[in-house]
């Protein structure tokens, strides 16, 4: 009641990775994660079901810029 748990910000390598949302062409399923800029490999972090999930992803990793979508 008096004390709240502080949420830790998670980090990522901003020089070698960029945040992206991968969207399935067939089902429309969206997954947020990070894409390696050198190998273009994608690392999944969380499933995006609605705007609240996207806001949580942005807040957890302190992302302010627009996140591109890849298919």
C-alpha atoms as a PDB file:
ATOM      1  CA  UNK A   1       0.000   0.000   0.000  1.00  0.00           C
ATOM      2  CA  UNK A   2       2.720   2.492   0.936  1.00  0.00           C
ATOM      3  CA  UNK A   3       5.554   1.083  -1.088  1.00  0.00           C
ATOM      4  CA  UNK A   4       5.322   0.346  -4.766  1.00  0.00           C
ATOM      5  CA  UNK A   5       7.672  -1.856  -6.683  1.00  0.00           C
ATOM      6  CA  UNK A   6       9.816   0.123  -9.099  1.00  0.00           C
ATOM      7  CA  UNK A   7       9.869  -1.319 -12.572  1.00  0.00           C
ATOM      8  CA  UNK A   8      13.331  -1.834 -13.979  1.00  0.00           C
ATOM      9  CA  UNK A   9      13.929  -0.597 -17.498  1.00  0.00           C
ATOM     10  CA  UNK A  10      15.315  -3.284 -19.744  1.00  0.00           C
ATOM     11  CA  UNK A  11      18.025  -2.326 -22.155  1.00  0.00           C
ATOM     12  CA  UNK A  12      19.149  -3.407 -25.583  1.00  0.00           C
ATOM     13  CA  UNK A  13      22.189  -2.781 -27.750  1.00  0.00           C
ATOM     14  CA  UNK A  14      21.179   0.382 -29.610  1.00  0.00           C
ATOM     15  CA  UNK A  15      24.227   0.288 -31.896  1.00  0.00           C
ATOM     16  CA  UNK A  16      23.644  -3.239 -33.224  1.00  0.00           C
ATOM     17  CA  UNK A  17      19.891  -3.790 -32.825  1.00  0.00           C
ATOM     18  CA  UNK A  18      16.731  -1.868 -33.638  1.00  0.00           C
ATOM     19  CA  UNK A  19      13.197  -2.376 -32.287  1.00  0.00           C
ATOM     20  CA  UNK A  20      10.731  -3.717 -34.865  1.00  0.00           C
ATOM     21  CA  UNK A  21       7.289  -5.282 -35.012  1.00  0.00           C
ATOM     22  CA  UNK A  22       7.043  -8.418 -37.128  1.00  0.00           C
ATOM     23  CA  UNK A  23       3.594  -8.957 -38.610  1.00  0.00           C
ATOM     24  CA  UNK A  24       2.393 -12.169 -40.235  1.00  0.00           C
ATOM     25  CA  UNK A  25       0.877 -11.702 -43.683  1.00  0.00           C
ATOM     26  CA  UNK A  26      -1.472 -14.678 -43.272  1.00  0.00           C
ATOM     27  CA  UNK A  27      -2.781 -14.334 -39.734  1.00  0.00           C
ATOM     28  CA  UNK A  28      -1.981 -10.724 -38.856  1.00  0.00           C
ATOM     29  CA  UNK A  29      -0.220 -11.814 -35.653  1.00  0.00           C
ATOM     30  CA  UNK A  30       2.179  -9.149 -34.381  1.00  0.00           C
ATOM     31  CA  UNK A  31       5.331  -9.797 -32.388  1.00  0.00           C
ATOM     32  CA  UNK A  32       7.588  -7.096 -30.961  1.00  0.00           C
ATOM     33  CA  UNK A  33      11.299  -7.664 -30.795  1.00  0.00           C
ATOM     34  CA  UNK A  34      14.701  -6.582 -31.994  1.00  0.00           C
ATOM     35  CA  UNK A  35      16.385  -7.012 -35.370  1.00  0.00           C
ATOM     36  CA  UNK A  36      20.152  -7.282 -35.662  1.00  0.00           C
ATOM     37  CA  UNK A  37      21.391  -4.607 -38.056  1.00  0.00           C
ATOM     38  CA  UNK A  38      24.230  -6.774 -39.415  1.00  0.00           C
ATOM     39  CA  UNK A  39      22.611 -10.201 -39.840  1.00  0.00           C
ATOM     40  CA  UNK A  40      18.947  -9.072 -39.981  1.00  0.00           C
ATOM     41  CA  UNK A  41      18.115 -11.843 -37.474  1.00  0.00           C
ATOM     42  CA  UNK A  42      14.961 -11.216 -35.437  1.00  0.00           C
ATOM     43  CA  UNK A  43      14.729 -11.849 -31.687  1.00  0.00           C
ATOM     44  CA  UNK A  44      11.158 -12.098 -30.350  1.00  0.00           C
ATOM     45  CA  UNK A  45      10.368 -10.374 -27.079  1.00  0.00           C
ATOM     46  CA  UNK A  46       6.588 -10.289 -26.704  1.00  0.00           C
ATOM     47  CA  UNK A  47       3.295 -10.855 -28.503  1.00  0.00           C
ATOM     48  CA  UNK A  48       1.369  -7.684 -29.365  1.00  0.00           C
ATOM     49  CA  UNK A  49      -2.384  -8.263 -29.044  1.00  0.00           C
ATOM     50  CA  UNK A  50      -3.501  -4.663 -28.570  1.00  0.00           C
ATOM     51  CA  UNK A  51      -2.259  -1.103 -28.088  1.00  0.00           C
ATOM     52  CA  UNK A  52      -1.689  -1.676 -24.364  1.00  0.00           C
ATOM     53  CA  UNK A  53       0.848  -4.423 -25.155  1.00  0.00           C
ATOM     54  CA  UNK A  54       2.661  -2.065 -27.528  1.00  0.00           C
ATOM     55  CA  UNK A  55       2.741   0.656 -24.855  1.00  0.00           C
ATOM     56  CA  UNK A  56       4.171  -1.858 -22.352  1.00  0.00           C
ATOM     57  CA  UNK A  57       6.896  -2.856 -24.826  1.00  0.00           C
ATOM     58  CA  UNK A  58       7.796   0.794 -25.405  1.00  0.00           C
ATOM     59  CA  UNK A  59       7.826   1.536 -21.679  1.00  0.00           C
ATOM     60  CA  UNK A  60       9.913  -1.535 -20.741  1.00  0.00           C
ATOM     61  CA  UNK A  61      12.653  -0.690 -23.223  1.00  0.00           C
ATOM     62  CA  UNK A  62      12.329   3.141 -23.123  1.00  0.00           C
ATOM     63  CA  UNK A  63      11.560   3.441 -26.848  1.00  0.00           C
ATOM     64  CA  UNK A  64      10.358   6.869 -27.925  1.00  0.00           C
ATOM     65  CA  UNK A  65      10.760   6.724 -31.702  1.00  0.00           C
ATOM     66  CA  UNK A  66       8.390   5.046 -34.172  1.00  0.00           C
ATOM     67  CA  UNK A  67       8.783   1.298 -34.463  1.00  0.00           C
ATOM     68  CA  UNK A  68       8.865   0.002 -38.062  1.00  0.00           C
ATOM     69  CA  UNK A  69       6.846  -3.043 -39.100  1.00  0.00           C
ATOM     70  CA  UNK A  70       8.408  -5.893 -41.062  1.00  0.00           C
ATOM     71  CA  UNK A  71       6.494  -8.679 -42.825  1.00  0.00           C
END
